[in-house]
Amino acid sequence: MSNISDIRSKLKDNALFVEFTALEFGELIDLLDQVSVKDGEVVVRQDEPGDCMYIVVDGEVRVVHHRGTRDIALATLRSGDFFGEIALVDSGPRSADVIAQGNGMLLKITQASIAALAGVYPTAAFKFLIAIGRSLVSRLRTSNQRYVDSLLFPVEGKD
């Protein structure tokens, strides 16, 4: 596993933590669990309830949605990327599998770790949740634009 100083240096400029003080950032990182993953390991499974999010520290993960007999590759996430953030506010089903590509290391963020941070540094917990909100809004805007584009410019041969 990576040591804490390596993790801090890799993630200190991450959009989730850009407004954190050094003390707030260090406190949060100390609260999180390091999760080692092996090539091909399923980190989260589609349709299972979520209870945490993850940040990729080292390695890559592949996001795959299953529909019937089809597997749809949605994204490849690398160091600094994160996934599962909706589970911090909603324990509904996961929307896709996330599978390790090669060996890697993730940080697991639970509702309990955010609550613990809020107990010591409430402003930091607020900053973190606002950063998550900004990310979700950005993703929603992108999805909305894709949807509108699909209506205005349908793929040829798919009428």
N, C-alpha and C. Protein backbone atom coordinates (compact mmCIF):
# COMPACT_ATOMS: atom_id res chain seq x y z
N MET A 1 0.83 -1.19 0.00
CA MET A 1 0.00 0.00 0.00
C MET A 1 0.87 1.25 0.00
N SER A 2 0.30 2.31 -0.50
CA SER A 2 1.01 3.59 -0.50
C SER A 2 1.07 4.14 0.91
N ASN A 3 2.08 4.94 1.17
CA ASN A 3 2.09 5.57 2.48
C ASN A 3 1.29 6.88 2.40
N ILE A 4 0.93 7.38 3.54
CA ILE A 4 0.05 8.55 3.62
C ILE A 4 0.65 9.76 2.91
N SER A 5 1.95 9.98 3.01
CA SER A 5 2.54 11.16 2.35
C SER A 5 2.45 11.04 0.83
N ASP A 6 2.59 9.80 0.29
CA ASP A 6 2.41 9.60 -1.16
C ASP A 6 0.97 9.93 -1.57
N ILE A 7 0.03 9.45 -0.78
CA ILE A 7 -1.39 9.71 -1.08
C ILE A 7 -1.67 11.19 -1.05
N ARG A 8 -1.18 11.86 -0.02
CA ARG A 8 -1.40 13.31 0.09
C ARG A 8 -0.83 14.05 -1.12
N SER A 9 0.38 13.69 -1.53
CA SER A 9 1.00 14.41 -2.66
C SER A 9 0.25 14.13 -3.96
N LYS A 10 -0.27 12.92 -4.14
CA LYS A 10 -1.00 12.59 -5.36
C LYS A 10 -2.36 13.27 -5.44
N LEU A 11 -2.99 13.51 -4.29
CA LEU A 11 -4.37 14.01 -4.30
C LEU A 11 -4.53 15.46 -3.86
N LYS A 12 -3.45 16.11 -3.43
CA LYS A 12 -3.60 17.45 -2.86
C LYS A 12 -4.19 18.47 -3.82
N ASP A 13 -3.99 18.30 -5.13
CA ASP A 13 -4.55 19.25 -6.10
C ASP A 13 -5.85 18.75 -6.73
N ASN A 14 -6.38 17.65 -6.20
CA ASN A 14 -7.62 17.09 -6.71
C ASN A 14 -8.77 18.08 -6.49
N ALA A 15 -9.70 18.13 -7.44
CA ALA A 15 -10.83 19.07 -7.37
C ALA A 15 -11.65 18.89 -6.09
N LEU A 16 -11.68 17.69 -5.54
CA LEU A 16 -12.45 17.46 -4.32
C LEU A 16 -11.85 18.17 -3.11
N PHE A 17 -10.55 18.44 -3.16
CA PHE A 17 -9.85 18.95 -1.98
C PHE A 17 -9.22 20.33 -2.20
N VAL A 18 -9.46 20.94 -3.33
CA VAL A 18 -8.77 22.17 -3.69
C VAL A 18 -9.00 23.30 -2.67
N GLU A 19 -10.14 23.31 -2.00
CA GLU A 19 -10.43 24.38 -1.04
C GLU A 19 -10.05 24.01 0.40
N PHE A 20 -9.52 22.81 0.60
CA PHE A 20 -9.15 22.37 1.94
C PHE A 20 -7.87 23.05 2.40
N THR A 21 -7.79 23.32 3.69
CA THR A 21 -6.50 23.70 4.28
C THR A 21 -5.67 22.43 4.39
N ALA A 22 -4.38 22.58 4.61
CA ALA A 22 -3.51 21.41 4.76
C ALA A 22 -3.95 20.55 5.95
N LEU A 23 -4.38 21.19 7.01
CA LEU A 23 -4.83 20.47 8.21
C LEU A 23 -6.11 19.68 7.92
N GLU A 24 -7.07 20.31 7.26
CA GLU A 24 -8.33 19.63 6.92
C GLU A 24 -8.07 18.44 6.00
N PHE A 25 -7.23 18.66 5.00
CA PHE A 25 -6.92 17.61 4.04
C PHE A 25 -6.26 16.42 4.74
N GLY A 26 -5.28 16.71 5.59
CA GLY A 26 -4.60 15.65 6.33
C GLY A 26 -5.54 14.87 7.23
N GLU A 27 -6.45 15.57 7.88
CA GLU A 27 -7.41 14.91 8.76
C GLU A 27 -8.32 13.98 7.98
N LEU A 28 -8.81 14.43 6.83
CA LEU A 28 -9.68 13.58 6.02
C LEU A 28 -8.93 12.35 5.53
N ILE A 29 -7.75 12.53 4.98
CA ILE A 29 -6.98 11.40 4.46
C ILE A 29 -6.73 10.37 5.56
N ASP A 30 -6.47 10.85 6.77
CA ASP A 30 -6.25 9.93 7.90
C ASP A 30 -7.50 9.12 8.25
N LEU A 31 -8.68 9.64 7.93
CA LEU A 31 -9.93 8.95 8.24
C LEU A 31 -10.32 7.88 7.21
N LEU A 32 -9.68 7.91 6.05
CA LEU A 32 -10.10 7.04 4.95
C LEU A 32 -9.37 5.70 4.96
N ASP A 33 -10.06 4.70 4.43
CA ASP A 33 -9.48 3.36 4.33
C ASP A 33 -8.79 3.19 2.99
N GLN A 34 -7.57 2.64 3.02
CA GLN A 34 -6.88 2.27 1.79
C GLN A 34 -7.35 0.88 1.38
N VAL A 35 -7.68 0.74 0.09
CA VAL A 35 -8.17 -0.53 -0.42
C VAL A 35 -7.27 -0.95 -1.58
N SER A 36 -6.54 -2.05 -1.41
CA SER A 36 -5.73 -2.60 -2.50
C SER A 36 -6.64 -3.44 -3.38
N VAL A 37 -6.49 -3.27 -4.71
CA VAL A 37 -7.28 -4.06 -5.65
C VAL A 37 -6.35 -4.79 -6.60
N LYS A 38 -6.79 -5.95 -7.02
CA LYS A 38 -6.03 -6.78 -7.95
C LYS A 38 -6.70 -6.76 -9.31
N ASP A 39 -5.92 -6.99 -10.34
CA ASP A 39 -6.43 -7.00 -11.71
C ASP A 39 -7.67 -7.88 -11.82
N GLY A 40 -8.74 -7.31 -12.37
CA GLY A 40 -9.99 -8.05 -12.58
C GLY A 40 -10.93 -8.06 -11.40
N GLU A 41 -10.51 -7.53 -10.27
CA GLU A 41 -11.36 -7.52 -9.08
C GLU A 41 -12.51 -6.54 -9.27
N VAL A 42 -13.71 -6.97 -8.92
CA VAL A 42 -14.89 -6.10 -8.99
C VAL A 42 -14.95 -5.31 -7.69
N VAL A 43 -14.85 -3.99 -7.81
CA VAL A 43 -14.86 -3.11 -6.64
C VAL A 43 -16.29 -2.86 -6.19
N VAL A 44 -17.16 -2.52 -7.13
CA VAL A 44 -18.59 -2.39 -6.86
C VAL A 44 -19.35 -3.11 -7.96
N ARG A 45 -20.51 -3.66 -7.60
CA ARG A 45 -21.33 -4.40 -8.55
C ARG A 45 -22.62 -3.63 -8.87
N GLN A 46 -22.93 -3.63 -10.15
CA GLN A 46 -24.18 -3.02 -10.61
C GLN A 46 -25.34 -3.66 -9.86
N ASP A 47 -26.30 -2.84 -9.49
CA ASP A 47 -27.56 -3.21 -8.83
C ASP A 47 -27.42 -3.53 -7.34
N GLU A 48 -26.20 -3.60 -6.80
CA GLU A 48 -26.06 -3.78 -5.36
C GLU A 48 -26.15 -2.42 -4.68
N PRO A 49 -26.64 -2.38 -3.45
CA PRO A 49 -26.74 -1.09 -2.76
C PRO A 49 -25.36 -0.49 -2.50
N GLY A 50 -25.27 0.83 -2.60
CA GLY A 50 -24.01 1.51 -2.35
C GLY A 50 -23.99 2.11 -0.96
N ASP A 51 -22.80 2.16 -0.37
CA ASP A 51 -22.66 2.76 0.95
C ASP A 51 -21.39 3.59 1.08
N CYS A 52 -20.66 3.76 -0.03
CA CYS A 52 -19.41 4.52 0.02
C CYS A 52 -19.02 4.95 -1.38
N MET A 53 -18.02 5.80 -1.45
CA MET A 53 -17.42 6.18 -2.72
C MET A 53 -15.94 5.85 -2.66
N TYR A 54 -15.28 5.93 -3.80
CA TYR A 54 -13.85 5.62 -3.88
C TYR A 54 -13.12 6.67 -4.71
N ILE A 55 -11.87 6.90 -4.36
CA ILE A 55 -10.96 7.72 -5.15
C ILE A 55 -9.82 6.81 -5.61
N VAL A 56 -9.51 6.87 -6.90
CA VAL A 56 -8.42 6.07 -7.43
C VAL A 56 -7.11 6.79 -7.09
N VAL A 57 -6.24 6.13 -6.35
CA VAL A 57 -4.93 6.69 -6.01
C VAL A 57 -3.89 6.18 -6.99
N ASP A 58 -3.85 4.87 -7.19
CA ASP A 58 -2.92 4.23 -8.13
C ASP A 58 -3.70 3.24 -8.98
N GLY A 59 -3.30 3.12 -10.24
CA GLY A 59 -3.91 2.14 -11.12
C GLY A 59 -5.08 2.71 -11.90
N GLU A 60 -5.85 1.80 -12.47
CA GLU A 60 -7.02 2.17 -13.27
C GLU A 60 -8.17 1.24 -12.93
N VAL A 61 -9.38 1.76 -13.09
CA VAL A 61 -10.58 0.94 -12.99
C VAL A 61 -11.44 1.20 -14.22
N ARG A 62 -12.20 0.20 -14.59
CA ARG A 62 -13.08 0.28 -15.75
C ARG A 62 -14.52 0.27 -15.25
N VAL A 63 -15.35 1.16 -15.77
CA VAL A 63 -16.76 1.24 -15.40
C VAL A 63 -17.57 0.60 -16.52
N VAL A 64 -18.35 -0.43 -16.17
CA VAL A 64 -19.09 -1.21 -17.16
C VAL A 64 -20.54 -1.37 -16.71
N HIS A 65 -21.46 -1.00 -17.61
CA HIS A 65 -22.89 -1.19 -17.35
C HIS A 65 -23.36 -2.43 -18.11
N HIS A 66 -24.19 -3.22 -17.47
CA HIS A 66 -24.72 -4.43 -18.10
C HIS A 66 -26.20 -4.23 -18.41
N ARG A 67 -26.57 -4.55 -19.63
CA ARG A 67 -27.97 -4.52 -20.01
C ARG A 67 -28.25 -5.76 -20.82
N GLY A 68 -29.02 -6.67 -20.24
CA GLY A 68 -29.27 -7.94 -20.90
C GLY A 68 -27.97 -8.69 -21.08
N THR A 69 -27.68 -9.03 -22.33
CA THR A 69 -26.43 -9.76 -22.62
C THR A 69 -25.31 -8.83 -23.04
N ARG A 70 -25.58 -7.52 -23.05
CA ARG A 70 -24.57 -6.55 -23.49
C ARG A 70 -23.83 -5.94 -22.32
N ASP A 71 -22.53 -5.73 -22.51
CA ASP A 71 -21.70 -4.99 -21.56
C ASP A 71 -21.31 -3.69 -22.25
N ILE A 72 -21.60 -2.57 -21.59
CA ILE A 72 -21.32 -1.27 -22.18
C ILE A 72 -20.24 -0.59 -21.35
N ALA A 73 -19.06 -0.41 -21.95
CA ALA A 73 -17.96 0.26 -21.26
C ALA A 73 -18.26 1.75 -21.19
N LEU A 74 -18.35 2.29 -20.00
CA LEU A 74 -18.70 3.70 -19.83
C LEU A 74 -17.48 4.59 -19.65
N ALA A 75 -16.47 4.09 -18.95
CA ALA A 75 -15.30 4.95 -18.67
C ALA A 75 -14.15 4.12 -18.14
N THR A 76 -12.96 4.70 -18.27
CA THR A 76 -11.78 4.21 -17.57
C THR A 76 -11.33 5.34 -16.66
N LEU A 77 -11.21 5.04 -15.38
CA LEU A 77 -10.84 6.05 -14.39
C LEU A 77 -9.41 5.80 -13.93
N ARG A 78 -8.68 6.89 -13.73
CA ARG A 78 -7.27 6.83 -13.35
C ARG A 78 -7.02 7.62 -12.07
N SER A 79 -5.79 7.69 -11.69
CA SER A 79 -5.40 8.37 -10.46
C SER A 79 -6.04 9.75 -10.36
N GLY A 80 -6.70 9.98 -9.24
CA GLY A 80 -7.38 11.25 -8.98
C GLY A 80 -8.86 11.23 -9.32
N ASP A 81 -9.27 10.28 -10.16
CA ASP A 81 -10.70 10.15 -10.48
C ASP A 81 -11.42 9.48 -9.32
N PHE A 82 -12.73 9.65 -9.27
CA PHE A 82 -13.52 9.05 -8.20
C PHE A 82 -14.83 8.52 -8.76
N PHE A 83 -15.44 7.63 -7.99
CA PHE A 83 -16.71 7.03 -8.39
C PHE A 83 -17.51 6.62 -7.16
N GLY A 84 -18.81 6.44 -7.36
CA GLY A 84 -19.69 6.00 -6.29
C GLY A 84 -20.16 7.09 -5.36
N GLU A 85 -19.93 8.34 -5.73
CA GLU A 85 -20.24 9.46 -4.82
C GLU A 85 -21.72 9.58 -4.48
N ILE A 86 -22.60 9.12 -5.35
CA ILE A 86 -24.03 9.21 -5.06
C ILE A 86 -24.36 8.40 -3.80
N ALA A 87 -23.60 7.34 -3.55
CA ALA A 87 -23.85 6.48 -2.38
C ALA A 87 -23.65 7.21 -1.06
N LEU A 88 -23.01 8.37 -1.07
CA LEU A 88 -22.86 9.13 0.17
C LEU A 88 -24.18 9.73 0.62
N VAL A 89 -25.10 9.90 -0.31
CA VAL A 89 -26.39 10.50 0.04
C VAL A 89 -27.57 9.58 -0.25
N ASP A 90 -27.34 8.49 -1.00
CA ASP A 90 -28.42 7.60 -1.39
C ASP A 90 -27.88 6.18 -1.46
N SER A 91 -28.45 5.28 -0.69
CA SER A 91 -27.96 3.90 -0.69
C SER A 91 -28.65 3.04 -1.74
N GLY A 92 -29.13 3.66 -2.79
CA GLY A 92 -29.76 2.94 -3.88
C GLY A 92 -28.78 2.07 -4.63
N PRO A 93 -29.26 1.36 -5.64
CA PRO A 93 -28.39 0.42 -6.36
C PRO A 93 -27.31 1.11 -7.18
N ARG A 94 -26.17 0.47 -7.26
CA ARG A 94 -25.07 0.96 -8.11
C ARG A 94 -25.50 0.87 -9.56
N SER A 95 -25.07 1.82 -10.36
CA SER A 95 -25.49 1.88 -11.77
C SER A 95 -24.57 1.10 -12.70
N ALA A 96 -23.44 0.63 -12.20
CA ALA A 96 -22.50 -0.10 -13.06
C ALA A 96 -21.52 -0.88 -12.18
N ASP A 97 -20.85 -1.85 -12.82
CA ASP A 97 -19.71 -2.50 -12.17
C ASP A 97 -18.51 -1.58 -12.31
N VAL A 98 -17.62 -1.63 -11.34
CA VAL A 98 -16.32 -0.97 -11.45
C VAL A 98 -15.29 -2.06 -11.19
N ILE A 99 -14.42 -2.27 -12.19
CA ILE A 99 -13.50 -3.40 -12.19
C ILE A 99 -12.06 -2.89 -12.30
N ALA A 100 -11.19 -3.40 -11.44
CA ALA A 100 -9.78 -3.01 -11.47
C ALA A 100 -9.13 -3.49 -12.76
N GLN A 101 -8.36 -2.60 -13.37
CA GLN A 101 -7.53 -2.95 -14.53
C GLN A 101 -6.09 -2.91 -14.07
N GLY A 102 -5.55 -4.03 -13.75
CA GLY A 102 -4.23 -4.08 -13.14
C GLY A 102 -4.38 -3.91 -11.64
N ASN A 103 -3.28 -4.01 -10.94
CA ASN A 103 -3.30 -3.81 -9.49
C ASN A 103 -3.34 -2.31 -9.21
N GLY A 104 -3.96 -1.96 -8.10
CA GLY A 104 -4.05 -0.55 -7.78
C GLY A 104 -4.42 -0.32 -6.33
N MET A 105 -4.61 0.94 -6.01
CA MET A 105 -4.99 1.33 -4.67
C MET A 105 -6.05 2.42 -4.73
N LEU A 106 -7.08 2.25 -3.90
CA LEU A 106 -8.19 3.19 -3.83
C LEU A 106 -8.30 3.70 -2.39
N LEU A 107 -8.93 4.85 -2.24
CA LEU A 107 -9.34 5.32 -0.92
C LEU A 107 -10.85 5.19 -0.85
N LYS A 108 -11.32 4.60 0.24
CA LYS A 108 -12.75 4.40 0.45
C LYS A 108 -13.27 5.49 1.37
N ILE A 109 -14.31 6.18 0.92
CA ILE A 109 -14.92 7.25 1.70
C ILE A 109 -16.34 6.83 2.05
N THR A 110 -16.61 6.72 3.33
CA THR A 110 -17.93 6.31 3.81
C THR A 110 -18.67 7.51 4.39
N GLN A 111 -19.97 7.33 4.60
CA GLN A 111 -20.74 8.37 5.28
C GLN A 111 -20.17 8.61 6.67
N ALA A 112 -19.72 7.55 7.33
CA ALA A 112 -19.15 7.67 8.68
C ALA A 112 -17.88 8.52 8.67
N SER A 113 -17.04 8.36 7.63
CA SER A 113 -15.81 9.16 7.59
C SER A 113 -16.12 10.64 7.37
N ILE A 114 -17.14 10.93 6.59
CA ILE A 114 -17.55 12.34 6.39
C ILE A 114 -18.15 12.88 7.69
N ALA A 115 -18.94 12.07 8.39
CA ALA A 115 -19.50 12.50 9.67
C ALA A 115 -18.40 12.76 10.69
N ALA A 116 -17.38 11.91 10.71
CA ALA A 116 -16.25 12.10 11.63
C ALA A 116 -15.51 13.39 11.30
N LEU A 117 -15.30 13.64 10.00
CA LEU A 117 -14.65 14.88 9.59
C LEU A 117 -15.49 16.08 10.03
N ALA A 118 -16.80 15.98 9.85
CA ALA A 118 -17.71 17.08 10.23
C ALA A 118 -17.65 17.35 11.73
N GLY A 119 -17.39 16.32 12.52
CA GLY A 119 -17.30 16.51 13.97
C GLY A 119 -16.09 17.32 14.37
N VAL A 120 -15.01 17.23 13.60
CA VAL A 120 -13.77 17.94 13.93
C VAL A 120 -13.63 19.21 13.09
N TYR A 121 -13.91 19.09 11.81
CA TYR A 121 -13.78 20.21 10.87
C TYR A 121 -15.05 20.33 10.03
N PRO A 122 -16.12 20.88 10.59
CA PRO A 122 -17.39 20.94 9.85
C PRO A 122 -17.26 21.69 8.51
N THR A 123 -16.42 22.69 8.45
CA THR A 123 -16.24 23.43 7.21
C THR A 123 -15.63 22.55 6.13
N ALA A 124 -14.71 21.67 6.52
CA ALA A 124 -14.09 20.77 5.55
C ALA A 124 -15.11 19.79 4.99
N ALA A 125 -15.97 19.26 5.84
CA ALA A 125 -17.02 18.34 5.36
C ALA A 125 -17.93 19.08 4.39
N PHE A 126 -18.26 20.32 4.70
CA PHE A 126 -19.09 21.13 3.80
C PHE A 126 -18.38 21.35 2.46
N LYS A 127 -17.09 21.69 2.52
CA LYS A 127 -16.32 21.89 1.29
C LYS A 127 -16.31 20.62 0.43
N PHE A 128 -16.14 19.47 1.09
CA PHE A 128 -16.10 18.20 0.37
C PHE A 128 -17.44 17.93 -0.32
N LEU A 129 -18.53 18.10 0.41
CA LEU A 129 -19.85 17.83 -0.17
C LEU A 129 -20.19 18.82 -1.29
N ILE A 130 -19.76 20.06 -1.15
CA ILE A 130 -19.96 21.03 -2.23
C ILE A 130 -19.16 20.62 -3.47
N ALA A 131 -17.94 20.14 -3.28
CA ALA A 131 -17.12 19.68 -4.42
C ALA A 131 -17.78 18.49 -5.11
N ILE A 132 -18.34 17.57 -4.33
CA ILE A 132 -19.08 16.44 -4.91
C ILE A 132 -20.28 16.97 -5.70
N GLY A 133 -20.99 17.93 -5.12
CA GLY A 133 -22.15 18.52 -5.81
C GLY A 133 -21.75 19.16 -7.14
N ARG A 134 -20.64 19.88 -7.15
CA ARG A 134 -20.16 20.49 -8.39
C ARG A 134 -19.86 19.44 -9.45
N SER A 135 -19.24 18.35 -9.02
CA SER A 135 -18.93 17.27 -9.94
C SER A 135 -20.21 16.66 -10.51
N LEU A 136 -21.19 16.42 -9.66
CA LEU A 136 -22.45 15.85 -10.13
C LEU A 136 -23.16 16.78 -11.10
N VAL A 137 -23.14 18.07 -10.81
CA VAL A 137 -23.77 19.05 -11.71
C VAL A 137 -23.06 19.05 -13.06
N SER A 138 -21.74 19.00 -13.05
CA SER A 138 -20.98 18.97 -14.29
C SER A 138 -21.33 17.73 -15.12
N ARG A 139 -21.39 16.58 -14.45
CA ARG A 139 -21.75 15.35 -15.14
C ARG A 139 -23.19 15.41 -15.68
N LEU A 140 -24.08 15.99 -14.91
CA LEU A 140 -25.47 16.12 -15.35
C LEU A 140 -25.57 17.04 -16.57
N ARG A 141 -24.84 18.14 -16.56
CA ARG A 141 -24.84 19.04 -17.72
C ARG A 141 -24.34 18.32 -18.98
N THR A 142 -23.27 17.53 -18.82
CA THR A 142 -22.73 16.78 -19.95
C THR A 142 -23.76 15.77 -20.46
N SER A 143 -24.41 15.07 -19.54
CA SER A 143 -25.43 14.09 -19.94
C SER A 143 -26.61 14.76 -20.62
N ASN A 144 -27.02 15.90 -20.09
CA ASN A 144 -28.13 16.64 -20.71
C ASN A 144 -27.77 17.06 -22.13
N GLN A 145 -26.54 17.53 -22.32
CA GLN A 145 -26.12 17.96 -23.65
C GLN A 145 -26.09 16.78 -24.61
N ARG A 146 -25.61 15.65 -24.15
CA ARG A 146 -25.60 14.45 -25.00
C ARG A 146 -27.02 14.04 -25.37
N TYR A 147 -27.93 14.13 -24.42
CA TYR A 147 -29.32 13.78 -24.69
C TYR A 147 -29.92 14.72 -25.73
N VAL A 148 -29.72 16.00 -25.54
CA VAL A 148 -30.25 16.98 -26.50
C VAL A 148 -29.62 16.75 -27.87
N ASP A 149 -28.32 16.53 -27.91
CA ASP A 149 -27.65 16.26 -29.19
C ASP A 149 -28.22 15.01 -29.86
N SER A 150 -28.54 13.99 -29.07
CA SER A 150 -29.09 12.76 -29.65
C SER A 150 -30.47 12.99 -30.26
N LEU A 151 -31.20 13.95 -29.70
CA LEU A 151 -32.51 14.28 -30.25
C LEU A 151 -32.39 15.14 -31.50
N LEU A 152 -31.44 16.06 -31.48
CA LEU A 152 -31.28 16.99 -32.60
C LEU A 152 -30.49 16.40 -33.75
N PHE A 153 -29.54 15.52 -33.42
CA PHE A 153 -28.66 14.94 -34.43
C PHE A 153 -28.63 13.43 -34.27
N PRO A 154 -29.74 12.75 -34.59
CA PRO A 154 -29.76 11.29 -34.40
C PRO A 154 -28.70 10.60 -35.23
N VAL A 155 -28.22 9.48 -34.73
CA VAL A 155 -27.23 8.69 -35.43
C VAL A 155 -27.86 8.16 -36.73
N GLU A 156 -27.14 8.31 -37.83
CA GLU A 156 -27.67 7.86 -39.12
C GLU A 156 -27.93 6.36 -39.08
N GLY A 157 -29.06 5.96 -39.68
CA GLY A 157 -29.41 4.55 -39.74
C GLY A 157 -30.11 4.06 -38.48
N LYS A 158 -30.39 4.96 -37.50
CA LYS A 158 -31.04 4.55 -36.26
C LYS A 158 -32.39 5.24 -36.10
N ASP A 159 -33.06 5.53 -37.19
CA ASP A 159 -34.38 6.18 -37.08
C ASP A 159 -35.46 5.19 -36.75
